[in-house]
Amino acid sequence: MPGTMTTPGRLDAYLEAIATGSEDKEAAEFSGLSLQTIASLKRKDPDFAKAYSIARKVRIEVYRSEARRRAVDGWTVPIFYRGEQVGHERKHSDRLLEILLKAEDPDTFGDRKVVEILTTPMTGEDVRRAVQVGQMDGAAEMLEQVARMFSDQRVLESFVAETIDEED
């Protein structure tokens, strides 16, 4: 689009297209501006950069609303029999619902769980017992076995789960 003039109207059209769900390239084509012009304006004009950031946040809400609609409300698909429509079926997106749940409540629906193990500093009595255990025959080998056991992630997770169950 060489020679295309950047006007307030074109910039408004671009930002409105972004805010209503268009991707950057589509919005640029719609407004008659190039992506290079837009990138240059974002770097040089703080007001435009801020307006662009706001338009993107609005676009994310448009996407979120559409994802929620598809996940919860669903959409209808016609059912045909022998070339003739005989009804319709409502479809829903389980995957979109899963994504929305993960975003809204990552502690419950997230892929990973964070286990926080709290430790307290050793007291003098703890140190005395540790020294006594260390002086026992085979203590070093036993401690190495325990360390190897806890280095296995599955064993550690199982131990933590058992400990939590015992506390409940």
C-alpha atoms as a PDB file:
ATOM      1  CA  MET A   1       0.000   0.000   0.000  1.00  0.00           C
ATOM      2  CA  PRO A   2       2.640   2.525  -0.946  1.00  0.00           C
ATOM      3  CA  GLY A   3       1.439   6.080  -0.749  1.00  0.00           C
ATOM      4  CA  THR A   4      -1.440   5.264   1.617  1.00  0.00           C
ATOM      5  CA  MET A   5      -1.993   8.151   3.949  1.00  0.00           C
ATOM      6  CA  THR A   6      -2.226   7.543   7.706  1.00  0.00           C
ATOM      7  CA  THR A   7      -5.292   9.417   8.939  1.00  0.00           C
ATOM      8  CA  PRO A   8      -7.116   9.428  12.271  1.00  0.00           C
ATOM      9  CA  GLY A   9     -10.051   7.717  10.549  1.00  0.00           C
ATOM     10  CA  ARG A  10      -7.851   4.880   9.298  1.00  0.00           C
ATOM     11  CA  LEU A  11      -6.279   4.463  12.741  1.00  0.00           C
ATOM     12  CA  ASP A  12      -9.723   4.372  14.362  1.00  0.00           C
ATOM     13  CA  ALA A  13     -10.861   1.779  11.814  1.00  0.00           C
ATOM     14  CA  TYR A  14      -7.786  -0.321  12.567  1.00  0.00           C
ATOM     15  CA  LEU A  15      -8.290  -0.161  16.353  1.00  0.00           C
ATOM     16  CA  GLU A  16     -12.014  -0.896  16.023  1.00  0.00           C
ATOM     17  CA  ALA A  17     -11.263  -3.933  13.868  1.00  0.00           C
ATOM     18  CA  ILE A  18      -8.775  -5.184  16.471  1.00  0.00           C
ATOM     19  CA  ALA A  19     -11.250  -4.618  19.309  1.00  0.00           C
ATOM     20  CA  THR A  20     -14.014  -6.530  17.527  1.00  0.00           C
ATOM     21  CA  GLY A  21     -11.911  -9.627  16.941  1.00  0.00           C
ATOM     22  CA  SER A  22      -9.857  -9.125  13.779  1.00  0.00           C
ATOM     23  CA  GLU A  23      -6.239 -10.192  13.711  1.00  0.00           C
ATOM     24  CA  ASP A  24      -3.620  -7.501  13.050  1.00  0.00           C
ATOM     25  CA  LYS A  25      -3.169  -8.312   9.362  1.00  0.00           C
ATOM     26  CA  GLU A  26      -6.920  -8.326   8.686  1.00  0.00           C
ATOM     27  CA  ALA A  27      -7.376  -5.075  10.588  1.00  0.00           C
ATOM     28  CA  ALA A  28      -4.556  -3.439   8.639  1.00  0.00           C
ATOM     29  CA  GLU A  29      -6.058  -4.519   5.318  1.00  0.00           C
ATOM     30  CA  PHE A  30      -9.499  -3.333   6.437  1.00  0.00           C
ATOM     31  CA  SER A  31      -8.169   0.095   7.421  1.00  0.00           C
ATOM     32  CA  GLY A  32      -5.939   0.481   4.377  1.00  0.00           C
ATOM     33  CA  LEU A  33      -2.738   0.627   6.449  1.00  0.00           C
ATOM     34  CA  SER A  34       0.350  -1.555   6.317  1.00  0.00           C
ATOM     35  CA  LEU A  35       1.604  -3.623   9.221  1.00  0.00           C
ATOM     36  CA  GLN A  36       4.883  -1.701   8.981  1.00  0.00           C
ATOM     37  CA  THR A  37       3.030   1.583   9.493  1.00  0.00           C
ATOM     38  CA  ILE A  38       1.210   0.139  12.495  1.00  0.00           C
ATOM     39  CA  ALA A  39       4.467  -1.193  14.001  1.00  0.00           C
ATOM     40  CA  SER A  40       6.141   2.169  13.493  1.00  0.00           C
ATOM     41  CA  LEU A  41       3.251   4.001  15.147  1.00  0.00           C
ATOM     42  CA  LYS A  42       3.301   1.640  18.148  1.00  0.00           C
ATOM     43  CA  ARG A  43       7.007   2.414  18.648  1.00  0.00           C
ATOM     44  CA  LYS A  44       6.801   6.180  18.104  1.00  0.00           C
ATOM     45  CA  ASP A  45       3.384   7.194  19.446  1.00  0.00           C
ATOM     46  CA  PRO A  46       2.711   6.258  23.096  1.00  0.00           C
ATOM     47  CA  ASP A  47      -0.966   7.205  22.805  1.00  0.00           C
ATOM     48  CA  PHE A  48      -1.448   4.898  19.844  1.00  0.00           C
ATOM     49  CA  ALA A  49       0.504   2.134  21.598  1.00  0.00           C
ATOM     50  CA  LYS A  50      -1.806   2.453  24.615  1.00  0.00           C
ATOM     51  CA  ALA A  51      -4.936   2.471  22.422  1.00  0.00           C
ATOM     52  CA  TYR A  52      -3.639  -0.625  20.618  1.00  0.00           C
ATOM     53  CA  SER A  53      -3.024  -2.380  23.951  1.00  0.00           C
ATOM     54  CA  ILE A  54      -6.574  -1.595  25.076  1.00  0.00           C
ATOM     55  CA  ALA A  55      -8.010  -2.809  21.750  1.00  0.00           C
ATOM     56  CA  ARG A  56      -6.124  -6.111  22.172  1.00  0.00           C
ATOM     57  CA  LYS A  57      -7.530  -6.560  25.683  1.00  0.00           C
ATOM     58  CA  VAL A  58     -11.020  -5.991  24.327  1.00  0.00           C
ATOM     59  CA  ARG A  59     -10.316  -8.517  21.548  1.00  0.00           C
ATOM     60  CA  ILE A  60      -9.311 -11.097  24.166  1.00  0.00           C
ATOM     61  CA  GLU A  61     -12.663 -10.569  25.882  1.00  0.00           C
ATOM     62  CA  VAL A  62     -14.418 -11.040  22.514  1.00  0.00           C
ATOM     63  CA  TYR A  63     -12.539 -14.333  22.088  1.00  0.00           C
ATOM     64  CA  ARG A  64     -13.297 -15.383  25.679  1.00  0.00           C
ATOM     65  CA  SER A  65     -16.992 -14.659  25.168  1.00  0.00           C
ATOM     66  CA  GLU A  66     -17.078 -16.695  21.965  1.00  0.00           C
ATOM     67  CA  ALA A  67     -15.212 -19.578  23.623  1.00  0.00           C
ATOM     68  CA  ARG A  68     -17.711 -19.540  26.499  1.00  0.00           C
ATOM     69  CA  ARG A  69     -20.641 -19.502  24.077  1.00  0.00           C
ATOM     70  CA  ARG A  70     -19.274 -22.499  22.169  1.00  0.00           C
ATOM     71  CA  ALA A  71     -18.442 -24.398  25.363  1.00  0.00           C
ATOM     72  CA  VAL A  72     -21.605 -23.711  27.357  1.00  0.00           C
ATOM     73  CA  ASP A  73     -24.377 -22.702  24.942  1.00  0.00           C
ATOM     74  CA  GLY A  74     -23.088 -24.696  21.991  1.00  0.00           C
ATOM     75  CA  TRP A  75     -24.233 -24.430  18.393  1.00  0.00           C
ATOM     76  CA  THR A  76     -26.653 -26.349  16.226  1.00  0.00           C
ATOM     77  CA  VAL A  77     -25.694 -28.643  13.402  1.00  0.00           C
ATOM     78  CA  PRO A  78     -28.313 -29.792  10.890  1.00  0.00           C
ATOM     79  CA  ILE A  79     -29.052 -33.526  10.633  1.00  0.00           C
ATOM     80  CA  PHE A  80     -29.768 -34.876   7.174  1.00  0.00           C
ATOM     81  CA  TYR A  81     -31.381 -38.132   6.130  1.00  0.00           C
ATOM     82  CA  ARG A  82     -31.388 -39.092   2.468  1.00  0.00           C
ATOM     83  CA  GLY A  83     -30.466 -35.579   1.462  1.00  0.00           C
ATOM     84  CA  GLU A  84     -33.232 -33.914   3.458  1.00  0.00           C
ATOM     85  CA  GLN A  85     -32.832 -32.033   6.728  1.00  0.00           C
ATOM     86  CA  VAL A  86     -34.736 -33.901   9.418  1.00  0.00           C
ATOM     87  CA  GLY A  87     -33.614 -32.058  12.524  1.00  0.00           C
ATOM     88  CA  HIS A  88     -30.664 -30.588  14.271  1.00  0.00           C
ATOM     89  CA  GLU A  89     -28.245 -31.465  17.043  1.00  0.00           C
ATOM     90  CA  ARG A  90     -26.669 -29.163  19.624  1.00  0.00           C
ATOM     91  CA  LYS A  91     -22.880 -29.497  19.877  1.00  0.00           C
ATOM     92  CA  HIS A  92     -20.626 -28.207  22.660  1.00  0.00           C
ATOM     93  CA  SER A  93     -16.861 -27.879  22.912  1.00  0.00           C
ATOM     94  CA  ASP A  94     -15.534 -29.831  25.869  1.00  0.00           C
ATOM     95  CA  ARG A  95     -11.999 -28.676  25.046  1.00  0.00           C
ATOM     96  CA  LEU A  96     -12.959 -24.991  25.218  1.00  0.00           C
ATOM     97  CA  LEU A  97     -14.729 -25.601  28.533  1.00  0.00           C
ATOM     98  CA  GLU A  98     -11.586 -27.263  29.856  1.00  0.00           C
ATOM     99  CA  ILE A  99      -9.455 -24.298  28.781  1.00  0.00           C
ATOM    100  CA  LEU A 100     -11.869 -21.814  30.366  1.00  0.00           C
ATOM    101  CA  LEU A 101     -11.886 -23.774  33.630  1.00  0.00           C
ATOM    102  CA  LYS A 102      -8.090 -23.912  33.691  1.00  0.00           C
ATOM    103  CA  ALA A 103      -7.918 -20.160  33.150  1.00  0.00           C
ATOM    104  CA  GLU A 104     -10.516 -19.356  35.808  1.00  0.00           C
ATOM    105  CA  ASP A 105      -9.411 -21.861  38.467  1.00  0.00           C
ATOM    106  CA  PRO A 106      -5.890 -23.176  37.796  1.00  0.00           C
ATOM    107  CA  ASP A 107      -5.559 -24.565  41.348  1.00  0.00           C
ATOM    108  CA  THR A 108      -8.430 -26.980  40.764  1.00  0.00           C
ATOM    109  CA  PHE A 109      -8.311 -27.574  37.011  1.00  0.00           C
ATOM    110  CA  GLY A 110      -4.662 -26.840  36.174  1.00  0.00           C
ATOM    111  CA  ASP A 111      -2.296 -29.449  34.775  1.00  0.00           C
ATOM    112  CA  ARG A 112       0.182 -29.253  37.592  1.00  0.00           C
ATOM    113  CA  LYS A 113      -0.241 -29.154  41.295  1.00  0.00           C
ATOM    114  CA  VAL A 114       2.098 -27.299  43.600  1.00  0.00           C
ATOM    115  CA  VAL A 115       2.945 -29.149  46.775  1.00  0.00           C
ATOM    116  CA  GLU A 116       4.490 -26.969  49.432  1.00  0.00           C
ATOM    117  CA  ILE A 117       6.563 -28.792  52.013  1.00  0.00           C
ATOM    118  CA  LEU A 118       7.305 -26.661  55.025  1.00  0.00           C
ATOM    119  CA  THR A 119      10.387 -27.406  57.113  1.00  0.00           C
ATOM    120  CA  THR A 120      11.490 -26.049  60.439  1.00  0.00           C
ATOM    121  CA  PRO A 121      15.081 -25.352  61.464  1.00  0.00           C
ATOM    122  CA  MET A 122      16.842 -28.109  63.356  1.00  0.00           C
ATOM    123  CA  THR A 123      17.033 -27.727  67.106  1.00  0.00           C
ATOM    124  CA  GLY A 124      19.965 -28.768  69.272  1.00  0.00           C
ATOM    125  CA  GLU A 125      18.112 -31.977  70.141  1.00  0.00           C
ATOM    126  CA  ASP A 126      17.628 -32.732  66.426  1.00  0.00           C
ATOM    127  CA  VAL A 127      21.366 -32.291  65.809  1.00  0.00           C
ATOM    128  CA  ARG A 128      22.220 -34.550  68.790  1.00  0.00           C
ATOM    129  CA  ARG A 129      19.932 -37.304  67.447  1.00  0.00           C
ATOM    130  CA  ALA A 130      21.358 -36.910  63.923  1.00  0.00           C
ATOM    131  CA  VAL A 131      24.891 -37.353  65.274  1.00  0.00           C
ATOM    132  CA  GLN A 132      23.804 -40.448  67.207  1.00  0.00           C
ATOM    133  CA  VAL A 133      22.160 -41.943  64.102  1.00  0.00           C
ATOM    134  CA  GLY A 134      25.236 -41.127  62.051  1.00  0.00           C
ATOM    135  CA  GLN A 135      27.381 -43.124  64.488  1.00  0.00           C
ATOM    136  CA  MET A 136      25.211 -46.245  64.100  1.00  0.00           C
ATOM    137  CA  ASP A 137      26.488 -49.082  61.927  1.00  0.00           C
ATOM    138  CA  GLY A 138      25.083 -48.824  58.386  1.00  0.00           C
ATOM    139  CA  ALA A 139      23.599 -45.356  58.977  1.00  0.00           C
ATOM    140  CA  ALA A 140      25.293 -43.829  55.937  1.00  0.00           C
ATOM    141  CA  GLU A 141      23.964 -46.590  53.659  1.00  0.00           C
ATOM    142  CA  MET A 142      20.429 -46.203  55.081  1.00  0.00           C
ATOM    143  CA  LEU A 143      20.513 -42.449  54.547  1.00  0.00           C
ATOM    144  CA  GLU A 144      21.728 -42.940  50.965  1.00  0.00           C
ATOM    145  CA  GLN A 145      18.816 -45.328  50.332  1.00  0.00           C
ATOM    146  CA  VAL A 146      16.356 -42.800  51.737  1.00  0.00           C
ATOM    147  CA  ALA A 147      17.894 -40.046  49.595  1.00  0.00           C
ATOM    148  CA  ARG A 148      17.624 -42.235  46.461  1.00  0.00           C
ATOM    149  CA  MET A 149      14.039 -43.109  47.332  1.00  0.00           C
ATOM    150  CA  PHE A 150      13.085 -39.430  47.658  1.00  0.00           C
ATOM    151  CA  SER A 151      14.903 -38.513  44.460  1.00  0.00           C
ATOM    152  CA  ASP A 152      12.340 -40.650  42.613  1.00  0.00           C
ATOM    153  CA  GLN A 153       9.515 -38.150  41.885  1.00  0.00           C
ATOM    154  CA  ARG A 154       6.776 -40.794  42.042  1.00  0.00           C
ATOM    155  CA  VAL A 155       7.887 -41.998  45.467  1.00  0.00           C
ATOM    156  CA  LEU A 156       8.020 -38.415  46.750  1.00  0.00           C
ATOM    157  CA  GLU A 157       4.537 -37.648  45.408  1.00  0.00           C
ATOM    158  CA  SER A 158       3.194 -40.852  46.969  1.00  0.00           C
ATOM    159  CA  PHE A 159       4.796 -40.009  50.318  1.00  0.00           C
ATOM    160  CA  VAL A 160       3.392 -36.471  50.264  1.00  0.00           C
ATOM    161  CA  ALA A 161      -0.090 -37.788  49.357  1.00  0.00           C
ATOM    162  CA  GLU A 162       0.015 -40.339  52.207  1.00  0.00           C
ATOM    163  CA  THR A 163       1.183 -37.669  54.639  1.00  0.00           C
ATOM    164  CA  ILE A 164      -1.641 -35.335  53.606  1.00  0.00           C
ATOM    165  CA  ASP A 165      -4.200 -38.164  53.923  1.00  0.00           C
ATOM    166  CA  GLU A 166      -2.937 -38.992  57.434  1.00  0.00           C
ATOM    167  CA  GLU A 167      -3.288 -35.347  58.470  1.00  0.00           C
ATOM    168  CA  ASP A 168      -6.938 -35.235  57.293  1.00  0.00           C
END
